[in-house]
Amino acid sequence: MPALSIIVPVYNKEQYVESSLNSILNQSFTDFEVIVVNDGSTDSSPARCDAFARRDPRITVVHQNNQGVSEARNAGVELATGRYIGFVDCDDELEKDMYEILLTNISDFKADISMCGVKKTTLNNQTSDSTAQELQLFNKKEALVALLNNDFPISVYDKIYRADLAKSVLFTGHIYEDMFYNFNVLQKASKVIRTSSEKYNYIVRENSESMARFSKKYMNILDFSTKMLAQSKNADREILESAVMFDFVTNISLLNLLILSDASEYASEYKLISDNLLKYRDYPKNATVRSKHKYALSIFLFQPVVYKYLLRLYCQFADSDVLRRTK
């Protein structure tokens, strides 16, 4: 039994998959298996992955019809035999000591989940870079609040999980699936250790989901937010308050994306979000809500047409990323 199983879903990433897999195989920690799940790729990705498997016995390649990243990860987790499980996106790369550090920390602190910092490289080559190596220990409540408050990344690729926890929850959906997966796993965890040292290199690509225009798949986010809020109803007060805030901001963010995308064909989605925000009309009075969200809600509920105009004006003035991704 290897110490670690690394799940790598692959879909049409022929130009990146080799560098990504090499960064895994070159890890200073070597007691791992790599389960590559080819999710119906139509380019040369399958052949490239198979070539790696022939060269290194630690790699197993599974081929399946295209079902999406959630089902690809689920397939990999089902086959995993390691004591811990990690995930890598096939167009990203790892620092050489990433898994050595994560495994050392999860062992030293007897934690259920170990996580590191993420170095983000954007399309214009701007890179976040921090030399900080602060350690933080979270209990279940603290971890859930941090996740809902966006105080640490919602992603799964910067983490390793105790295998039984990882296997107890399924991925679902096509966007923000990491958020919902982590929320459900954290409810079963007791301790999370985090190092701020940036060991995962996340590279933003032109076809990244985070840079897409509004489409129906984004309603996955709202579905997850609604479910997390429902699951938090009987939780600790701070968790519930954080879940409410997350749901409120999610609705505002989706409204903005929908408006900026000129998505007039999504009338039913617009109405659902509008109805949700109407329920929050008194929320900012009794909560610590950022000023921009307070003003956004007030203006939108008072005069939606004016809000649409001011939103576009503000985004143009601020050179907002959300405006660029909807062009």
C-alpha atoms as a PDB file:
ATOM      1  CA  MET A   1       0.000   0.000   0.000  1.00  0.00           C
ATOM      2  CA  PRO A   2       1.538   3.367  -1.006  1.00  0.00           C
ATOM      3  CA  ALA A   3       1.453   6.267   1.399  1.00  0.00           C
ATOM      4  CA  LEU A   4      -0.227   8.528  -1.139  1.00  0.00           C
ATOM      5  CA  SER A   5      -2.557   8.220  -4.122  1.00  0.00           C
ATOM      6  CA  ILE A   6      -2.499  11.159  -6.560  1.00  0.00           C
ATOM      7  CA  ILE A   7      -5.540  11.537  -8.821  1.00  0.00           C
ATOM      8  CA  VAL A   8      -5.018  13.364 -12.138  1.00  0.00           C
ATOM      9  CA  PRO A   9      -8.081  13.886 -14.391  1.00  0.00           C
ATOM     10  CA  VAL A  10      -7.107  14.595 -18.003  1.00  0.00           C
ATOM     11  CA  TYR A  11      -9.204  16.049 -20.784  1.00  0.00           C
ATOM     12  CA  ASN A  12      -7.614  17.433 -23.969  1.00  0.00           C
ATOM     13  CA  LYS A  13      -4.496  18.892 -22.368  1.00  0.00           C
ATOM     14  CA  GLU A  14      -1.860  17.414 -24.679  1.00  0.00           C
ATOM     15  CA  GLN A  15       0.376  20.475 -24.454  1.00  0.00           C
ATOM     16  CA  TYR A  16       0.499  20.475 -20.646  1.00  0.00           C
ATOM     17  CA  VAL A  17       0.101  16.904 -19.388  1.00  0.00           C
ATOM     18  CA  GLU A  18       3.772  15.905 -19.739  1.00  0.00           C
ATOM     19  CA  SER A  19       5.136  18.798 -17.694  1.00  0.00           C
ATOM     20  CA  SER A  20       2.455  18.221 -15.064  1.00  0.00           C
ATOM     21  CA  LEU A  21       3.156  14.498 -14.734  1.00  0.00           C
ATOM     22  CA  ASN A  22       6.907  15.123 -14.667  1.00  0.00           C
ATOM     23  CA  SER A  23       6.460  17.522 -11.751  1.00  0.00           C
ATOM     24  CA  ILE A  24       4.685  14.706  -9.870  1.00  0.00           C
ATOM     25  CA  LEU A  25       7.234  12.013 -10.716  1.00  0.00           C
ATOM     26  CA  ASN A  26      10.094  14.325  -9.682  1.00  0.00           C
ATOM     27  CA  GLN A  27       8.752  14.782  -6.160  1.00  0.00           C
ATOM     28  CA  SER A  28      11.261  14.371  -3.324  1.00  0.00           C
ATOM     29  CA  PHE A  29       8.729  12.035  -1.684  1.00  0.00           C
ATOM     30  CA  THR A  30       8.455   8.892  -3.780  1.00  0.00           C
ATOM     31  CA  ASP A  31       6.071   6.443  -2.045  1.00  0.00           C
ATOM     32  CA  PHE A  32       3.013   7.205  -4.132  1.00  0.00           C
ATOM     33  CA  GLU A  33       0.802   5.949  -6.946  1.00  0.00           C
ATOM     34  CA  VAL A  34      -0.540   8.177  -9.705  1.00  0.00           C
ATOM     35  CA  ILE A  35      -3.978   7.388 -11.096  1.00  0.00           C
ATOM     36  CA  VAL A  36      -4.496   9.248 -14.367  1.00  0.00           C
ATOM     37  CA  VAL A  37      -8.106   9.290 -15.522  1.00  0.00           C
ATOM     38  CA  ASN A  38      -8.415  10.119 -19.214  1.00  0.00           C
ATOM     39  CA  ASP A  39     -11.905  11.560 -19.431  1.00  0.00           C
ATOM     40  CA  GLY A  40     -12.618  10.925 -23.104  1.00  0.00           C
ATOM     41  CA  SER A  41      -9.866  13.135 -24.540  1.00  0.00           C
ATOM     42  CA  THR A  42      -9.899  13.516 -28.323  1.00  0.00           C
ATOM     43  CA  ASP A  43      -6.328  14.819 -28.691  1.00  0.00           C
ATOM     44  CA  SER A  44      -3.026  13.047 -28.030  1.00  0.00           C
ATOM     45  CA  SER A  45      -3.400  13.194 -24.232  1.00  0.00           C
ATOM     46  CA  PRO A  46      -4.328   9.476 -23.868  1.00  0.00           C
ATOM     47  CA  ALA A  47      -1.265   8.299 -25.791  1.00  0.00           C
ATOM     48  CA  ARG A  48       1.023  10.615 -23.824  1.00  0.00           C
ATOM     49  CA  CYS A  49      -0.388   9.341 -20.523  1.00  0.00           C
ATOM     50  CA  ASP A  50      -0.021   5.722 -21.615  1.00  0.00           C
ATOM     51  CA  ALA A  51       3.607   6.401 -22.517  1.00  0.00           C
ATOM     52  CA  PHE A  52       4.250   7.638 -18.982  1.00  0.00           C
ATOM     53  CA  ALA A  53       2.643   4.515 -17.526  1.00  0.00           C
ATOM     54  CA  ARG A  54       4.964   2.328 -19.575  1.00  0.00           C
ATOM     55  CA  ARG A  55       7.984   4.190 -18.192  1.00  0.00           C
ATOM     56  CA  ASP A  56       6.973   4.360 -14.523  1.00  0.00           C
ATOM     57  CA  PRO A  57       5.109   1.543 -12.704  1.00  0.00           C
ATOM     58  CA  ARG A  58       3.701   4.027 -10.203  1.00  0.00           C
ATOM     59  CA  ILE A  59       1.361   5.369 -12.908  1.00  0.00           C
ATOM     60  CA  THR A  60      -1.957   3.745 -13.785  1.00  0.00           C
ATOM     61  CA  VAL A  61      -4.034   5.164 -16.640  1.00  0.00           C
ATOM     62  CA  VAL A  62      -7.795   4.698 -16.772  1.00  0.00           C
ATOM     63  CA  HIS A  63      -9.738   5.549 -19.934  1.00  0.00           C
ATOM     64  CA  GLN A  64     -13.421   6.466 -19.775  1.00  0.00           C
ATOM     65  CA  ASN A  65     -16.005   8.282 -21.879  1.00  0.00           C
ATOM     66  CA  ASN A  66     -16.197  12.003 -21.254  1.00  0.00           C
ATOM     67  CA  GLN A  67     -18.200  12.594 -18.075  1.00  0.00           C
ATOM     68  CA  GLY A  68     -16.599  15.699 -16.582  1.00  0.00           C
ATOM     69  CA  VAL A  69     -13.980  16.362 -13.928  1.00  0.00           C
ATOM     70  CA  SER A  70     -16.174  15.275 -11.010  1.00  0.00           C
ATOM     71  CA  GLU A  71     -16.761  11.779 -12.381  1.00  0.00           C
ATOM     72  CA  ALA A  72     -13.113  11.503 -13.409  1.00  0.00           C
ATOM     73  CA  ARG A  73     -11.987  12.266  -9.867  1.00  0.00           C
ATOM     74  CA  ASN A  74     -14.571   9.879  -8.420  1.00  0.00           C
ATOM     75  CA  ALA A  75     -13.244   7.118 -10.664  1.00  0.00           C
ATOM     76  CA  GLY A  76      -9.706   7.783  -9.474  1.00  0.00           C
ATOM     77  CA  VAL A  77     -10.655   7.892  -5.803  1.00  0.00           C
ATOM     78  CA  GLU A  78     -12.456   4.567  -6.106  1.00  0.00           C
ATOM     79  CA  LEU A  79      -9.250   2.941  -7.377  1.00  0.00           C
ATOM     80  CA  ALA A  80      -6.930   4.643  -4.888  1.00  0.00           C
ATOM     81  CA  THR A  81      -5.095   2.394  -2.418  1.00  0.00           C
ATOM     82  CA  GLY A  82      -2.967   4.972  -0.579  1.00  0.00           C
ATOM     83  CA  ARG A  83      -3.325   6.013   3.055  1.00  0.00           C
ATOM     84  CA  TYR A  84      -3.795   9.583   1.828  1.00  0.00           C
ATOM     85  CA  ILE A  85      -5.275  11.007  -1.361  1.00  0.00           C
ATOM     86  CA  GLY A  86      -4.338  14.124  -3.315  1.00  0.00           C
ATOM     87  CA  PHE A  87      -5.479  15.714  -6.563  1.00  0.00           C
ATOM     88  CA  VAL A  88      -3.618  17.490  -9.364  1.00  0.00           C
ATOM     89  CA  ASP A  89      -5.032  19.369 -12.350  1.00  0.00           C
ATOM     90  CA  CYS A  90      -3.187  18.154 -15.439  1.00  0.00           C
ATOM     91  CA  ASP A  91      -2.203  21.625 -16.643  1.00  0.00           C
ATOM     92  CA  ASP A  92      -0.576  22.686 -13.359  1.00  0.00           C
ATOM     93  CA  GLU A  93       2.798  21.892 -11.809  1.00  0.00           C
ATOM     94  CA  LEU A  94       4.131  21.132  -8.326  1.00  0.00           C
ATOM     95  CA  GLU A  95       7.188  22.286  -6.439  1.00  0.00           C
ATOM     96  CA  LYS A  96       9.519  19.340  -5.850  1.00  0.00           C
ATOM     97  CA  ASP A  97       8.929  19.127  -2.087  1.00  0.00           C
ATOM     98  CA  MET A  98       5.161  19.703  -2.039  1.00  0.00           C
ATOM     99  CA  TYR A  99       4.065  16.222  -1.021  1.00  0.00           C
ATOM    100  CA  GLU A 100       6.999  15.751   1.348  1.00  0.00           C
ATOM    101  CA  ILE A 101       5.854  18.839   3.254  1.00  0.00           C
ATOM    102  CA  LEU A 102       2.156  17.949   3.188  1.00  0.00           C
ATOM    103  CA  LEU A 103       2.786  14.406   4.432  1.00  0.00           C
ATOM    104  CA  THR A 104       5.207  15.531   7.129  1.00  0.00           C
ATOM    105  CA  ASN A 105       2.664  18.021   8.446  1.00  0.00           C
ATOM    106  CA  ILE A 106      -0.300  15.630   8.380  1.00  0.00           C
ATOM    107  CA  SER A 107       1.768  13.091  10.310  1.00  0.00           C
ATOM    108  CA  ASP A 108       3.355  15.496  12.812  1.00  0.00           C
ATOM    109  CA  PHE A 109       0.033  17.124  13.683  1.00  0.00           C
ATOM    110  CA  LYS A 110      -2.071  13.946  13.415  1.00  0.00           C
ATOM    111  CA  ALA A 111      -4.397  15.861  11.085  1.00  0.00           C
ATOM    112  CA  ASP A 112      -7.088  14.664   8.687  1.00  0.00           C
ATOM    113  CA  ILE A 113      -6.217  17.168   5.954  1.00  0.00           C
ATOM    114  CA  SER A 114      -2.946  18.901   5.106  1.00  0.00           C
ATOM    115  CA  MET A 115      -2.756  21.902   2.801  1.00  0.00           C
ATOM    116  CA  CYS A 116      -0.197  24.303   1.342  1.00  0.00           C
ATOM    117  CA  GLY A 117      -0.183  27.677  -0.367  1.00  0.00           C
ATOM    118  CA  VAL A 118      -0.869  28.170  -4.078  1.00  0.00           C
ATOM    119  CA  LYS A 119       1.255  30.203  -6.461  1.00  0.00           C
ATOM    120  CA  LYS A 120      -0.984  31.624  -9.173  1.00  0.00           C
ATOM    121  CA  THR A 121       0.350  32.580 -12.598  1.00  0.00           C
ATOM    122  CA  THR A 122      -2.036  34.575 -14.803  1.00  0.00           C
ATOM    123  CA  LEU A 123      -2.177  34.963 -18.561  1.00  0.00           C
ATOM    124  CA  ASN A 124       0.034  38.061 -18.482  1.00  0.00           C
ATOM    125  CA  ASN A 125       2.639  36.136 -16.445  1.00  0.00           C
ATOM    126  CA  GLN A 126       1.884  37.917 -13.198  1.00  0.00           C
ATOM    127  CA  THR A 127       2.725  35.555 -10.361  1.00  0.00           C
ATOM    128  CA  SER A 128       1.796  35.576  -6.712  1.00  0.00           C
ATOM    129  CA  ASP A 129       4.889  34.702  -4.723  1.00  0.00           C
ATOM    130  CA  SER A 130       5.200  34.459  -0.977  1.00  0.00           C
ATOM    131  CA  THR A 131       8.139  33.243   1.077  1.00  0.00           C
ATOM    132  CA  ALA A 132       6.036  32.986   4.220  1.00  0.00           C
ATOM    133  CA  GLN A 133       5.963  29.550   5.886  1.00  0.00           C
ATOM    134  CA  GLU A 134       3.441  30.069   8.620  1.00  0.00           C
ATOM    135  CA  LEU A 135       1.684  27.009  10.048  1.00  0.00           C
ATOM    136  CA  GLN A 136      -1.973  27.152  11.091  1.00  0.00           C
ATOM    137  CA  LEU A 137      -3.980  24.432  12.798  1.00  0.00           C
ATOM    138  CA  PHE A 138      -7.777  24.420  12.377  1.00  0.00           C
ATOM    139  CA  ASN A 139     -10.448  22.437  14.167  1.00  0.00           C
ATOM    140  CA  LYS A 140     -13.614  21.495  12.270  1.00  0.00           C
ATOM    141  CA  LYS A 141     -15.493  24.696  13.065  1.00  0.00           C
ATOM    142  CA  GLU A 142     -12.544  26.936  12.248  1.00  0.00           C
ATOM    143  CA  ALA A 143     -11.910  25.137   8.964  1.00  0.00           C
ATOM    144  CA  LEU A 144     -15.532  25.363   7.825  1.00  0.00           C
ATOM    145  CA  VAL A 145     -15.708  29.065   8.672  1.00  0.00           C
ATOM    146  CA  ALA A 146     -12.419  29.700   6.859  1.00  0.00           C
ATOM    147  CA  LEU A 147     -13.680  27.848   3.780  1.00  0.00           C
ATOM    148  CA  LEU A 148     -16.988  29.737   3.688  1.00  0.00           C
ATOM    149  CA  ASN A 149     -15.240  33.073   4.289  1.00  0.00           C
ATOM    150  CA  ASN A 150     -12.711  32.390   1.522  1.00  0.00           C
ATOM    151  CA  ASP A 151      -9.869  32.530   4.040  1.00  0.00           C
ATOM    152  CA  PHE A 152      -8.166  29.605   2.344  1.00  0.00           C
ATOM    153  CA  PRO A 153      -8.529  28.199  -1.198  1.00  0.00           C
ATOM    154  CA  ILE A 154     -11.630  26.187  -2.010  1.00  0.00           C
ATOM    155  CA  SER A 155      -9.563  23.923  -4.291  1.00  0.00           C
ATOM    156  CA  VAL A 156      -8.648  20.280  -3.682  1.00  0.00           C
ATOM    157  CA  TYR A 157      -5.298  20.316  -5.511  1.00  0.00           C
ATOM    158  CA  ASP A 158      -3.437  22.088  -2.684  1.00  0.00           C
ATOM    159  CA  LYS A 159      -4.477  19.451  -0.138  1.00  0.00           C
ATOM    160  CA  ILE A 160      -4.074  15.815   0.822  1.00  0.00           C
ATOM    161  CA  TYR A 161      -6.844  13.963   2.648  1.00  0.00           C
ATOM    162  CA  ARG A 162      -6.971  10.936   4.875  1.00  0.00           C
ATOM    163  CA  ALA A 163      -8.139   8.281   2.429  1.00  0.00           C
ATOM    164  CA  ASP A 164     -11.236   7.205   4.331  1.00  0.00           C
ATOM    165  CA  LEU A 165     -12.437  10.818   4.411  1.00  0.00           C
ATOM    166  CA  ALA A 166     -11.701  11.377   0.740  1.00  0.00           C
ATOM    167  CA  LYS A 167     -13.619   8.232  -0.180  1.00  0.00           C
ATOM    168  CA  SER A 168     -16.627   9.101   1.985  1.00  0.00           C
ATOM    169  CA  VAL A 169     -17.702  12.019  -0.243  1.00  0.00           C
ATOM    170  CA  LEU A 170     -18.365  12.132  -3.991  1.00  0.00           C
ATOM    171  CA  PHE A 171     -17.559  15.012  -6.316  1.00  0.00           C
ATOM    172  CA  THR A 172     -20.586  16.413  -8.107  1.00  0.00           C
ATOM    173  CA  GLY A 173     -21.224  19.187 -10.620  1.00  0.00           C
ATOM    174  CA  HIS A 174     -19.153  20.850 -13.311  1.00  0.00           C
ATOM    175  CA  ILE A 175     -18.056  24.065 -11.607  1.00  0.00           C
ATOM    176  CA  TYR A 176     -17.232  24.884  -7.956  1.00  0.00           C
ATOM    177  CA  GLU A 177     -17.240  21.131  -7.337  1.00  0.00           C
ATOM    178  CA  ASP A 178     -14.134  21.592  -5.156  1.00  0.00           C
ATOM    179  CA  MET A 179     -15.993  23.929  -2.793  1.00  0.00           C
ATOM    180  CA  PHE A 180     -18.864  21.539  -2.200  1.00  0.00           C
ATOM    181  CA  TYR A 181     -16.540  18.549  -1.857  1.00  0.00           C
ATOM    182  CA  ASN A 182     -14.389  20.316   0.744  1.00  0.00           C
ATOM    183  CA  PHE A 183     -17.434  21.526   2.655  1.00  0.00           C
ATOM    184  CA  ASN A 184     -18.716  17.962   2.970  1.00  0.00           C
ATOM    185  CA  VAL A 185     -15.321  16.460   3.812  1.00  0.00           C
ATOM    186  CA  LEU A 186     -14.619  19.093   6.475  1.00  0.00           C
ATOM    187  CA  GLN A 187     -17.827  18.192   8.275  1.00  0.00           C
ATOM    188  CA  LYS A 188     -16.277  14.760   8.876  1.00  0.00           C
ATOM    189  CA  ALA A 189     -12.786  16.024   9.754  1.00  0.00           C
ATOM    190  CA  SER A 190     -11.445  17.010  13.147  1.00  0.00           C
ATOM    191  CA  LYS A 191      -8.153  18.719  12.364  1.00  0.00           C
ATOM    192  CA  VAL A 192      -6.624  20.544   9.387  1.00  0.00           C
ATOM    193  CA  ILE A 193      -3.006  21.699   9.154  1.00  0.00           C
ATOM    194  CA  ARG A 194      -2.034  24.435   6.724  1.00  0.00           C
ATOM    195  CA  THR A 195       1.331  25.805   5.654  1.00  0.00           C
ATOM    196  CA  SER A 196       1.320  29.124   3.818  1.00  0.00           C
ATOM    197  CA  SER A 197       4.377  28.032   1.823  1.00  0.00           C
ATOM    198  CA  GLU A 198       3.367  28.096  -1.869  1.00  0.00           C
ATOM    199  CA  LYS A 199       4.044  24.651  -3.314  1.00  0.00           C
ATOM    200  CA  TYR A 200       1.284  24.222  -5.907  1.00  0.00           C
ATOM    201  CA  ASN A 201       1.660  26.184  -9.151  1.00  0.00           C
ATOM    202  CA  TYR A 202      -1.774  27.033 -10.512  1.00  0.00           C
ATOM    203  CA  ILE A 203      -1.549  28.315 -14.079  1.00  0.00           C
ATOM    204  CA  VAL A 204      -4.546  30.250 -15.403  1.00  0.00           C
ATOM    205  CA  ARG A 205      -5.239  29.194 -18.990  1.00  0.00           C
ATOM    206  CA  GLU A 206      -7.343  30.911 -21.659  1.00  0.00           C
ATOM    207  CA  ASN A 207      -9.940  28.148 -21.441  1.00  0.00           C
ATOM    208  CA  SER A 208     -10.133  28.211 -17.651  1.00  0.00           C
ATOM    209  CA  GLU A 209     -13.629  27.853 -16.178  1.00  0.00           C
ATOM    210  CA  SER A 210     -12.875  30.897 -14.041  1.00  0.00           C
ATOM    211  CA  MET A 211     -12.613  33.039 -17.179  1.00  0.00           C
ATOM    212  CA  ALA A 212     -15.824  31.977 -18.926  1.00  0.00           C
ATOM    213  CA  ARG A 213     -18.991  33.936 -19.661  1.00  0.00           C
ATOM    214  CA  PHE A 214     -22.194  33.160 -17.814  1.00  0.00           C
ATOM    215  CA  SER A 215     -23.909  29.910 -18.757  1.00  0.00           C
ATOM    216  CA  LYS A 216     -26.312  27.494 -17.099  1.00  0.00           C
ATOM    217  CA  LYS A 217     -23.426  25.581 -15.531  1.00  0.00           C
ATOM    218  CA  TYR A 218     -22.849  28.523 -13.199  1.00  0.00           C
ATOM    219  CA  MET A 219     -26.132  27.730 -11.494  1.00  0.00           C
ATOM    220  CA  ASN A 220     -24.227  24.791  -9.964  1.00  0.00           C
ATOM    221  CA  ILE A 221     -22.664  27.357  -7.660  1.00  0.00           C
ATOM    222  CA  LEU A 222     -26.067  28.527  -6.481  1.00  0.00           C
ATOM    223  CA  ASP A 223     -27.213  24.950  -5.979  1.00  0.00           C
ATOM    224  CA  PHE A 224     -24.149  24.191  -3.850  1.00  0.00           C
ATOM    225  CA  SER A 225     -24.577  27.390  -1.868  1.00  0.00           C
ATOM    226  CA  THR A 226     -28.218  26.575  -1.137  1.00  0.00           C
ATOM    227  CA  LYS A 227     -27.306  23.058  -0.005  1.00  0.00           C
ATOM    228  CA  MET A 228     -24.463  24.287   2.224  1.00  0.00           C
ATOM    229  CA  LEU A 229     -26.786  26.806   3.824  1.00  0.00           C
ATOM    230  CA  ALA A 230     -29.383  24.103   4.489  1.00  0.00           C
ATOM    231  CA  GLN A 231     -26.750  21.800   5.985  1.00  0.00           C
ATOM    232  CA  SER A 232     -25.583  24.623   8.267  1.00  0.00           C
ATOM    233  CA  LYS A 233     -29.003  25.388   9.771  1.00  0.00           C
ATOM    234  CA  ASN A 234     -28.315  23.296  12.876  1.00  0.00           C
ATOM    235  CA  ALA A 235     -24.572  23.992  12.986  1.00  0.00           C
ATOM    236  CA  ASP A 236     -22.601  26.311  15.229  1.00  0.00           C
ATOM    237  CA  ARG A 237     -23.787  29.933  14.982  1.00  0.00           C
ATOM    238  CA  GLU A 238     -20.555  31.126  13.394  1.00  0.00           C
ATOM    239  CA  ILE A 239     -20.730  28.430  10.710  1.00  0.00           C
ATOM    240  CA  LEU A 240     -24.355  29.335   9.953  1.00  0.00           C
ATOM    241  CA  GLU A 241     -23.533  33.053   9.725  1.00  0.00           C
ATOM    242  CA  SER A 242     -20.681  32.299   7.350  1.00  0.00           C
ATOM    243  CA  ALA A 243     -22.927  30.089   5.201  1.00  0.00           C
ATOM    244  CA  VAL A 244     -25.537  32.858   5.004  1.00  0.00           C
ATOM    245  CA  MET A 245     -22.898  35.383   3.969  1.00  0.00           C
ATOM    246  CA  PHE A 246     -21.517  32.984   1.360  1.00  0.00           C
ATOM    247  CA  ASP A 247     -24.979  32.456  -0.118  1.00  0.00           C
ATOM    248  CA  PHE A 248     -25.698  36.185  -0.194  1.00  0.00           C
ATOM    249  CA  VAL A 249     -22.419  37.044  -1.923  1.00  0.00           C
ATOM    250  CA  THR A 250     -22.837  34.107  -4.321  1.00  0.00           C
ATOM    251  CA  ASN A 251     -26.160  35.496  -5.496  1.00  0.00           C
ATOM    252  CA  ILE A 252     -24.717  38.996  -5.945  1.00  0.00           C
ATOM    253  CA  SER A 253     -21.710  37.639  -7.865  1.00  0.00           C
ATOM    254  CA  LEU A 254     -23.855  35.508 -10.180  1.00  0.00           C
ATOM    255  CA  LEU A 255     -26.162  38.445 -10.804  1.00  0.00           C
ATOM    256  CA  ASN A 256     -23.190  40.584 -11.841  1.00  0.00           C
ATOM    257  CA  LEU A 257     -21.782  37.886 -14.115  1.00  0.00           C
ATOM    258  CA  LEU A 258     -25.160  37.345 -15.746  1.00  0.00           C
ATOM    259  CA  ILE A 259     -25.690  41.075 -16.360  1.00  0.00           C
ATOM    260  CA  LEU A 260     -22.199  41.647 -17.736  1.00  0.00           C
ATOM    261  CA  SER A 261     -22.522  38.674 -20.063  1.00  0.00           C
ATOM    262  CA  ASP A 262     -25.599  40.226 -21.696  1.00  0.00           C
ATOM    263  CA  ALA A 263     -27.278  36.904 -21.021  1.00  0.00           C
ATOM    264  CA  SER A 264     -30.822  37.996 -21.875  1.00  0.00           C
ATOM    265  CA  GLU A 265     -31.679  34.405 -22.813  1.00  0.00           C
ATOM    266  CA  TYR A 266     -31.315  33.346 -19.183  1.00  0.00           C
ATOM    267  CA  ALA A 267     -34.564  34.883 -17.963  1.00  0.00           C
ATOM    268  CA  SER A 268     -35.400  32.067 -15.547  1.00  0.00           C
ATOM    269  CA  GLU A 269     -31.928  32.162 -13.983  1.00  0.00           C
ATOM    270  CA  TYR A 270     -32.165  35.941 -13.614  1.00  0.00           C
ATOM    271  CA  LYS A 271     -35.563  35.639 -11.936  1.00  0.00           C
ATOM    272  CA  LEU A 272     -34.316  32.982  -9.500  1.00  0.00           C
ATOM    273  CA  ILE A 273     -31.355  35.108  -8.455  1.00  0.00           C
ATOM    274  CA  SER A 274     -33.558  38.218  -8.192  1.00  0.00           C
ATOM    275  CA  ASP A 275     -36.047  36.364  -5.978  1.00  0.00           C
ATOM    276  CA  ASN A 276     -33.204  35.109  -3.778  1.00  0.00           C
ATOM    277  CA  LEU A 277     -31.835  38.622  -3.326  1.00  0.00           C
ATOM    278  CA  LEU A 278     -35.288  39.942  -2.482  1.00  0.00           C
ATOM    279  CA  LYS A 279     -35.264  37.579   0.510  1.00  0.00           C
ATOM    280  CA  TYR A 280     -32.026  39.253   1.621  1.00  0.00           C
ATOM    281  CA  ARG A 281     -33.454  42.790   1.514  1.00  0.00           C
ATOM    282  CA  ASP A 282     -33.083  43.270   5.295  1.00  0.00           C
ATOM    283  CA  TYR A 283     -29.906  41.213   5.664  1.00  0.00           C
ATOM    284  CA  PRO A 284     -27.285  44.004   5.458  1.00  0.00           C
ATOM    285  CA  LYS A 285     -28.885  45.848   8.393  1.00  0.00           C
ATOM    286  CA  ASN A 286     -27.923  43.102  10.845  1.00  0.00           C
ATOM    287  CA  ALA A 287     -24.724  41.719   9.365  1.00  0.00           C
ATOM    288  CA  THR A 288     -21.160  42.675   8.643  1.00  0.00           C
ATOM    289  CA  VAL A 289     -21.544  43.077   4.909  1.00  0.00           C
ATOM    290  CA  ARG A 290     -18.993  44.805   2.688  1.00  0.00           C
ATOM    291  CA  SER A 291     -20.151  48.259   1.587  1.00  0.00           C
ATOM    292  CA  LYS A 292     -20.071  47.366  -2.098  1.00  0.00           C
ATOM    293  CA  HIS A 293     -22.482  44.484  -1.487  1.00  0.00           C
ATOM    294  CA  LYS A 294     -24.792  46.669   0.621  1.00  0.00           C
ATOM    295  CA  TYR A 295     -24.961  49.292  -2.106  1.00  0.00           C
ATOM    296  CA  ALA A 296     -25.340  46.669  -4.806  1.00  0.00           C
ATOM    297  CA  LEU A 297     -28.334  45.069  -3.112  1.00  0.00           C
ATOM    298  CA  SER A 298     -30.004  48.398  -2.313  1.00  0.00           C
ATOM    299  CA  ILE A 299     -29.640  49.784  -5.838  1.00  0.00           C
ATOM    300  CA  PHE A 300     -30.642  46.546  -7.543  1.00  0.00           C
ATOM    301  CA  LEU A 301     -33.800  46.130  -5.465  1.00  0.00           C
ATOM    302  CA  PHE A 302     -34.707  49.802  -5.934  1.00  0.00           C
ATOM    303  CA  GLN A 303     -34.049  50.055  -9.668  1.00  0.00           C
ATOM    304  CA  PRO A 304     -32.557  47.100 -11.599  1.00  0.00           C
ATOM    305  CA  VAL A 305     -32.040  49.121 -14.791  1.00  0.00           C
ATOM    306  CA  VAL A 306     -29.987  51.717 -12.944  1.00  0.00           C
ATOM    307  CA  TYR A 307     -27.992  48.946 -11.282  1.00  0.00           C
ATOM    308  CA  LYS A 308     -27.099  47.393 -14.645  1.00  0.00           C
ATOM    309  CA  TYR A 309     -25.860  50.746 -15.929  1.00  0.00           C
ATOM    310  CA  LEU A 310     -23.831  51.531 -12.797  1.00  0.00           C
ATOM    311  CA  LEU A 311     -22.357  48.024 -12.704  1.00  0.00           C
ATOM    312  CA  ARG A 312     -20.972  48.337 -16.217  1.00  0.00           C
ATOM    313  CA  LEU A 313     -19.684  51.824 -15.496  1.00  0.00           C
ATOM    314  CA  TYR A 314     -17.952  50.689 -12.310  1.00  0.00           C
ATOM    315  CA  CYS A 315     -16.342  47.662 -13.976  1.00  0.00           C
ATOM    316  CA  GLN A 316     -15.030  49.767 -16.851  1.00  0.00           C
ATOM    317  CA  PHE A 317     -13.591  52.342 -14.466  1.00  0.00           C
ATOM    318  CA  ALA A 318     -11.999  49.675 -12.231  1.00  0.00           C
ATOM    319  CA  ASP A 319     -10.816  47.574 -15.204  1.00  0.00           C
ATOM    320  CA  SER A 320     -12.524  44.659 -13.464  1.00  0.00           C
ATOM    321  CA  ASP A 321     -11.536  41.060 -14.244  1.00  0.00           C
ATOM    322  CA  VAL A 322     -15.178  40.045 -14.356  1.00  0.00           C
ATOM    323  CA  LEU A 323     -15.718  42.446 -17.271  1.00  0.00           C
ATOM    324  CA  ARG A 324     -12.781  41.015 -19.215  1.00  0.00           C
ATOM    325  CA  ARG A 325     -13.961  37.440 -18.759  1.00  0.00           C
ATOM    326  CA  THR A 326     -17.425  38.219 -20.146  1.00  0.00           C
ATOM    327  CA  LYS A 327     -16.314  39.862 -23.403  1.00  0.00           C
END
